[in-house]
N, C-alpha and C. Protein backbone atom coordinates (compact mmCIF):
# COMPACT_ATOMS: atom_id res chain seq x y z
N MET A 1 103.52 124.11 111.07
CA MET A 1 102.76 123.30 110.12
C MET A 1 101.47 122.85 110.80
N ASP A 2 100.36 123.03 110.12
CA ASP A 2 99.07 122.61 110.67
C ASP A 2 98.86 121.12 110.44
N ILE A 3 98.62 120.41 111.54
CA ILE A 3 98.38 118.98 111.48
C ILE A 3 97.24 118.66 112.44
N ASP A 4 96.29 117.89 111.97
CA ASP A 4 95.19 117.43 112.80
C ASP A 4 95.49 115.97 113.16
N THR A 5 95.22 115.60 114.40
CA THR A 5 95.40 114.20 114.81
C THR A 5 94.15 113.70 115.50
N GLU A 6 93.95 112.40 115.39
CA GLU A 6 92.81 111.75 116.03
C GLU A 6 93.21 110.33 116.39
N GLU A 7 92.95 109.93 117.63
CA GLU A 7 93.25 108.57 118.05
C GLU A 7 91.99 107.72 118.06
N LYS A 8 92.13 106.52 117.51
CA LYS A 8 91.04 105.54 117.53
C LYS A 8 91.63 104.19 117.92
N ASN A 9 91.26 103.70 119.08
CA ASN A 9 91.70 102.37 119.54
C ASN A 9 93.21 102.17 119.43
N GLY A 10 93.98 103.17 119.83
CA GLY A 10 95.44 103.06 119.83
C GLY A 10 96.10 103.35 118.49
N ILE A 11 95.30 103.62 117.48
CA ILE A 11 95.82 103.98 116.16
C ILE A 11 95.69 105.49 116.02
N LEU A 12 96.77 106.14 115.63
CA LEU A 12 96.73 107.59 115.48
C LEU A 12 96.57 107.94 114.00
N ILE A 13 95.58 108.78 113.72
CA ILE A 13 95.38 109.29 112.37
C ILE A 13 95.97 110.69 112.32
N VAL A 14 96.89 110.90 111.39
CA VAL A 14 97.57 112.18 111.23
C VAL A 14 97.12 112.78 109.91
N ARG A 15 96.66 114.03 109.98
CA ARG A 15 96.19 114.71 108.77
C ARG A 15 96.95 116.02 108.59
N PRO A 16 98.02 116.03 107.79
CA PRO A 16 98.66 117.31 107.48
C PRO A 16 97.66 118.18 106.73
N LEU A 17 97.51 119.42 107.16
CA LEU A 17 96.52 120.30 106.55
C LEU A 17 97.13 121.26 105.55
N GLU A 18 98.42 121.13 105.32
CA GLU A 18 99.13 121.96 104.35
C GLU A 18 98.99 121.36 102.95
N MET A 19 99.10 122.20 101.95
CA MET A 19 99.05 121.72 100.57
C MET A 19 100.40 121.20 100.10
N ARG A 20 101.46 121.54 100.84
CA ARG A 20 102.81 121.15 100.44
C ARG A 20 103.59 120.63 101.64
N ILE A 21 104.38 119.60 101.41
CA ILE A 21 105.42 119.22 102.36
C ILE A 21 106.70 119.25 101.57
N ASP A 22 107.51 120.25 101.87
CA ASP A 22 108.75 120.46 101.14
C ASP A 22 109.82 120.96 102.10
N ALA A 23 110.92 121.44 101.57
CA ALA A 23 112.05 121.87 102.40
C ALA A 23 111.66 122.98 103.38
N SER A 24 110.63 123.74 103.07
CA SER A 24 110.25 124.85 103.93
C SER A 24 109.55 124.40 105.22
N ASN A 25 108.96 123.20 105.23
CA ASN A 25 108.25 122.77 106.43
C ASN A 25 108.52 121.31 106.82
N ALA A 26 109.42 120.64 106.11
CA ALA A 26 109.69 119.23 106.38
C ALA A 26 110.29 119.01 107.77
N LEU A 27 111.14 119.91 108.24
CA LEU A 27 111.73 119.73 109.57
C LEU A 27 110.67 119.82 110.66
N GLU A 28 109.73 120.73 110.50
CA GLU A 28 108.64 120.85 111.46
C GLU A 28 107.75 119.61 111.42
N PHE A 29 107.47 119.12 110.22
CA PHE A 29 106.68 117.90 110.06
C PHE A 29 107.40 116.72 110.72
N LYS A 30 108.70 116.62 110.51
CA LYS A 30 109.48 115.53 111.10
C LYS A 30 109.47 115.62 112.62
N ALA A 31 109.64 116.82 113.17
CA ALA A 31 109.63 116.98 114.62
C ALA A 31 108.29 116.53 115.20
N THR A 32 107.20 116.90 114.54
CA THR A 32 105.87 116.51 115.01
C THR A 32 105.70 115.00 114.94
N MET A 33 106.12 114.41 113.84
CA MET A 33 105.97 112.96 113.68
C MET A 33 106.86 112.20 114.66
N MET A 34 108.06 112.68 114.91
CA MET A 34 108.95 112.03 115.88
C MET A 34 108.37 112.14 117.29
N GLU A 35 107.74 113.25 117.58
CA GLU A 35 107.09 113.42 118.88
C GLU A 35 105.94 112.42 119.03
N ILE A 36 105.19 112.23 117.97
CA ILE A 36 104.09 111.26 117.97
C ILE A 36 104.63 109.86 118.27
N VAL A 37 105.68 109.45 117.59
CA VAL A 37 106.28 108.14 117.82
C VAL A 37 106.87 108.08 119.23
N GLY A 38 107.50 109.17 119.66
CA GLY A 38 108.07 109.23 121.01
C GLY A 38 107.01 109.10 122.08
N ASN A 39 105.79 109.49 121.78
CA ASN A 39 104.68 109.35 122.72
C ASN A 39 104.08 107.95 122.70
N GLY A 40 104.68 107.06 121.92
CA GLY A 40 104.28 105.66 121.94
C GLY A 40 103.36 105.19 120.83
N TYR A 41 103.02 106.07 119.92
CA TYR A 41 102.17 105.64 118.80
C TYR A 41 103.02 104.93 117.76
N MET A 42 102.71 103.66 117.56
CA MET A 42 103.46 102.86 116.60
C MET A 42 102.62 102.45 115.40
N ASN A 43 101.31 102.61 115.49
CA ASN A 43 100.42 102.34 114.38
C ASN A 43 99.79 103.66 113.97
N ILE A 44 100.19 104.14 112.79
CA ILE A 44 99.84 105.48 112.36
C ILE A 44 99.28 105.44 110.94
N ILE A 45 98.19 106.18 110.76
CA ILE A 45 97.64 106.42 109.43
C ILE A 45 97.93 107.87 109.10
N VAL A 46 98.53 108.13 107.93
CA VAL A 46 98.77 109.50 107.49
C VAL A 46 97.85 109.75 106.30
N ASN A 47 96.90 110.65 106.52
CA ASN A 47 95.94 111.02 105.48
C ASN A 47 96.51 112.20 104.71
N LEU A 48 96.84 111.99 103.45
CA LEU A 48 97.48 113.02 102.63
C LEU A 48 96.50 113.69 101.66
N SER A 49 95.22 113.70 102.00
CA SER A 49 94.20 114.24 101.09
C SER A 49 94.38 115.73 100.79
N ALA A 50 94.91 116.50 101.73
CA ALA A 50 95.09 117.94 101.51
C ALA A 50 96.33 118.24 100.68
N LEU A 51 97.22 117.28 100.58
CA LEU A 51 98.52 117.49 99.96
C LEU A 51 98.43 117.54 98.44
N LYS A 52 99.04 118.56 97.87
CA LYS A 52 99.11 118.71 96.41
C LYS A 52 100.53 118.55 95.90
N PHE A 53 101.53 118.65 96.82
CA PHE A 53 102.94 118.55 96.42
C PHE A 53 103.75 118.02 97.58
N ILE A 54 104.69 117.12 97.28
CA ILE A 54 105.66 116.64 98.25
C ILE A 54 106.99 116.51 97.53
N ASP A 55 108.06 116.96 98.17
CA ASP A 55 109.39 116.81 97.56
C ASP A 55 110.20 115.78 98.34
N SER A 56 111.47 115.66 98.00
CA SER A 56 112.30 114.63 98.61
C SER A 56 112.45 114.80 100.12
N SER A 57 112.41 116.03 100.61
CA SER A 57 112.52 116.22 102.05
C SER A 57 111.25 115.71 102.75
N GLY A 58 110.11 115.91 102.15
CA GLY A 58 108.87 115.38 102.71
C GLY A 58 108.83 113.86 102.66
N LEU A 59 109.26 113.29 101.55
CA LEU A 59 109.34 111.84 101.44
C LEU A 59 110.32 111.28 102.47
N GLY A 60 111.43 112.01 102.66
CA GLY A 60 112.43 111.59 103.64
C GLY A 60 111.87 111.51 105.05
N VAL A 61 110.97 112.42 105.39
CA VAL A 61 110.34 112.38 106.72
C VAL A 61 109.54 111.09 106.87
N LEU A 62 108.75 110.76 105.87
CA LEU A 62 107.93 109.55 105.95
C LEU A 62 108.80 108.29 106.04
N VAL A 63 109.90 108.26 105.29
CA VAL A 63 110.82 107.13 105.35
C VAL A 63 111.47 107.05 106.74
N ALA A 64 111.86 108.20 107.28
CA ALA A 64 112.49 108.23 108.62
C ALA A 64 111.52 107.70 109.68
N ILE A 65 110.26 108.08 109.59
CA ILE A 65 109.27 107.60 110.55
C ILE A 65 109.07 106.09 110.39
N LEU A 66 109.01 105.64 109.16
CA LEU A 66 108.88 104.21 108.89
C LEU A 66 110.04 103.43 109.52
N LYS A 67 111.25 103.94 109.35
CA LYS A 67 112.43 103.29 109.93
C LYS A 67 112.42 103.35 111.45
N THR A 68 111.98 104.46 112.00
CA THR A 68 111.94 104.62 113.46
C THR A 68 110.94 103.63 114.08
N ILE A 69 109.79 103.48 113.44
CA ILE A 69 108.79 102.54 113.95
C ILE A 69 109.29 101.10 113.80
N GLY A 70 109.95 100.82 112.69
CA GLY A 70 110.49 99.49 112.45
C GLY A 70 109.43 98.41 112.54
N SER A 71 109.76 97.33 113.22
CA SER A 71 108.84 96.20 113.33
C SER A 71 107.87 96.36 114.51
N ARG A 72 107.95 97.48 115.21
CA ARG A 72 107.08 97.70 116.38
C ARG A 72 105.68 98.15 116.00
N GLY A 73 105.47 98.49 114.72
CA GLY A 73 104.16 98.97 114.29
C GLY A 73 104.15 99.17 112.79
N GLU A 74 103.18 99.98 112.34
CA GLU A 74 103.04 100.22 110.90
C GLU A 74 102.64 101.67 110.65
N ILE A 75 103.05 102.18 109.51
CA ILE A 75 102.58 103.46 109.03
C ILE A 75 101.88 103.19 107.71
N LYS A 76 100.65 103.70 107.60
CA LYS A 76 99.86 103.48 106.39
C LYS A 76 99.44 104.83 105.85
N LEU A 77 99.45 104.98 104.54
CA LEU A 77 99.09 106.24 103.90
C LEU A 77 97.73 106.08 103.22
N CYS A 78 96.94 107.15 103.28
CA CYS A 78 95.65 107.08 102.60
C CYS A 78 95.35 108.39 101.88
N GLU A 79 94.44 108.27 100.93
CA GLU A 79 93.96 109.40 100.13
C GLU A 79 95.10 110.14 99.43
N VAL A 80 96.03 109.34 98.89
CA VAL A 80 97.17 109.87 98.14
C VAL A 80 96.77 109.91 96.67
N GLU A 81 96.74 111.12 96.10
CA GLU A 81 96.23 111.25 94.74
C GLU A 81 97.08 112.19 93.89
N GLY A 82 96.81 112.20 92.60
CA GLY A 82 97.39 113.16 91.68
C GLY A 82 98.91 113.15 91.64
N ASP A 83 99.48 114.35 91.66
CA ASP A 83 100.93 114.50 91.57
C ASP A 83 101.65 113.85 92.74
N VAL A 84 101.02 113.86 93.90
CA VAL A 84 101.64 113.24 95.08
C VAL A 84 101.77 111.74 94.86
N ALA A 85 100.73 111.10 94.36
CA ALA A 85 100.79 109.67 94.06
C ALA A 85 101.86 109.39 93.01
N SER A 86 101.98 110.27 92.03
CA SER A 86 102.99 110.10 90.98
C SER A 86 104.41 110.13 91.54
N ILE A 87 104.63 111.00 92.52
CA ILE A 87 105.97 111.09 93.14
C ILE A 87 106.30 109.80 93.86
N PHE A 88 105.33 109.23 94.58
CA PHE A 88 105.56 107.94 95.26
C PHE A 88 105.88 106.85 94.24
N GLU A 89 105.19 106.85 93.10
CA GLU A 89 105.45 105.86 92.07
C GLU A 89 106.81 106.08 91.42
N LEU A 90 107.13 107.32 91.11
CA LEU A 90 108.40 107.66 90.47
C LEU A 90 109.60 107.25 91.33
N THR A 91 109.47 107.44 92.64
CA THR A 91 110.56 107.12 93.56
C THR A 91 110.50 105.67 94.05
N ARG A 92 109.49 104.95 93.58
CA ARG A 92 109.26 103.56 93.95
C ARG A 92 108.93 103.37 95.43
N LEU A 93 108.58 104.46 96.10
CA LEU A 93 108.16 104.35 97.49
C LEU A 93 106.77 103.74 97.60
N ASP A 94 106.08 103.63 96.48
CA ASP A 94 104.79 102.94 96.48
C ASP A 94 104.97 101.44 96.74
N GLU A 95 106.22 100.96 96.64
CA GLU A 95 106.52 99.57 96.94
C GLU A 95 106.88 99.38 98.41
N ILE A 96 107.12 100.48 99.11
CA ILE A 96 107.56 100.43 100.51
C ILE A 96 106.37 100.69 101.46
N PHE A 97 105.54 101.66 101.11
CA PHE A 97 104.42 102.04 101.95
C PHE A 97 103.15 101.30 101.54
N SER A 98 102.24 101.17 102.49
CA SER A 98 100.91 100.63 102.21
C SER A 98 99.98 101.80 101.95
N PHE A 99 99.24 101.75 100.85
CA PHE A 99 98.34 102.82 100.44
C PHE A 99 96.89 102.35 100.49
N TYR A 100 96.02 103.25 100.93
CA TYR A 100 94.60 102.95 101.02
C TYR A 100 93.79 104.12 100.49
N HIS A 101 92.61 103.83 99.96
CA HIS A 101 91.77 104.87 99.38
C HIS A 101 91.17 105.78 100.44
N SER A 102 90.89 105.24 101.63
CA SER A 102 90.23 106.03 102.67
C SER A 102 90.82 105.72 104.04
N GLU A 103 90.52 106.60 104.99
CA GLU A 103 90.95 106.36 106.37
C GLU A 103 90.33 105.09 106.91
N SER A 104 89.07 104.87 106.63
CA SER A 104 88.40 103.68 107.16
C SER A 104 89.02 102.40 106.61
N GLU A 105 89.38 102.42 105.33
CA GLU A 105 90.04 101.25 104.73
C GLU A 105 91.39 101.02 105.39
N ALA A 106 92.16 102.08 105.62
CA ALA A 106 93.45 101.95 106.29
C ALA A 106 93.26 101.46 107.72
N PHE A 107 92.30 102.02 108.43
CA PHE A 107 92.03 101.64 109.81
C PHE A 107 91.66 100.16 109.89
N ASN A 108 90.79 99.71 109.01
CA ASN A 108 90.34 98.31 109.03
C ASN A 108 91.44 97.33 108.64
N SER A 109 92.53 97.82 108.05
CA SER A 109 93.62 96.93 107.64
C SER A 109 94.54 96.56 108.82
N PHE A 110 94.40 97.26 109.95
CA PHE A 110 95.22 96.94 111.12
C PHE A 110 94.70 95.69 111.80
């Protein structure tokens, strides 16, 4: 799975470059995200601008990362739009995650 990362002042910005996070690549996404947390990043912005579809396995990865980080940091999502935003609303995960319109807005919220 193609993922771009960028660190700014201890905050890691993660940009999945795939159009889908589903059962076919969710395990790889989870392994990458767990490695990021294992490397000590506890404040993470996930930019989902490239994403056009996410299924329950993809959502499960984000929830697992949120639980792993716990109270030691935060995970914030940005640029979540269209069908992907609808899935977060349908599953009520929009009440669990913090959403921002842009990376800069998410970054400034830390």
